[in-house]
Amino acid sequence: MTSPIVLVHGAWHGGWCWDKVRPRLEAAGHRVFTPSLSGLGEREHLRHPVPSLRTHVADVVNLVVAEDLRDLVLVGHSYAGMVITGAADALRDRIRHLVYLDAAVPADGQTFASFVPGIAPEDVMRREAAFRSMAPDGIWLPPVAPAMVGVSDPDDARWLQQRLRPHPLRTWLDPVALPHGGSSGIPKTYVMAANPPTTAMGYPRVAQIARQGGEWSCREIDCGHDMMVVNPEQTAAYIAEAAA
């Protein structure tokens, strides 16, 4: 029996961003779930109260429990690395494999600003200040241009631009709580976008750790950050590999 797969999107996106990946995984026999996090995608109406990181973790945990998913492959892109790590902490006995697609991999108490391996405290403060400066109203991060997430094809860029929505700033500043060890002890794959690498967010540093092995496997895709949009075939292949 094939493992169910839950695909969790990153900032500004919604469950729609997996439209090119989902059918490839379903063709291989997997049940695939693509939830939109609160306040985003088709759940944009849940912008108030402003969602927290804890809310986004609960979105995923509640889906898995409601669907009674087991032997699960849980996938997170970018910011959603924070989300799936928090969800893994609560769902350890249900998870077969975690897949981080150019994503954050936090330890207990870390934020989307502080998860970067080896980051200095002053650099964390600079990142927090930069994140706050991106939110003119102090609450919502406006969508970035498609080129900023590695999408250059005009059709893909238009498709993305129409669907991206503001993302709650607080989720980038909230610390993740991992009382049960987070992702420790669970098999994991890290897939890095290599062309160009997402250096500003620190993802290549996480990939360096993943290359050391142990609980990790590491893969690369020769494309920009939104790999599920610009290279869905290879993205799906690496997710399916983790489920095998």
Foldseek 3Di string as FASTA:
>chain_A
DFAAEEEEEDAQFFLCLLVQQVVVLVVVPHHYHRGGQQCAFVNVVRPPPPDALVSRLCVVLVVCVVVVGACYEYEYAAACLLNLLLNCLVVVRRYQEYEYQLYFPAWFFDFLLGRAPPDDPVSSVVSLVVLQVQDPVSFWRADDQPVLQFDDDVVLRVVSVVGGGTHTSNRRVGGRHRPRGRCPPHQYEYEFEVQPGPPVSNSVSVLVVLVVDDSHDYHYDPTGRSCSRVPSPVVSVVSVVSRD
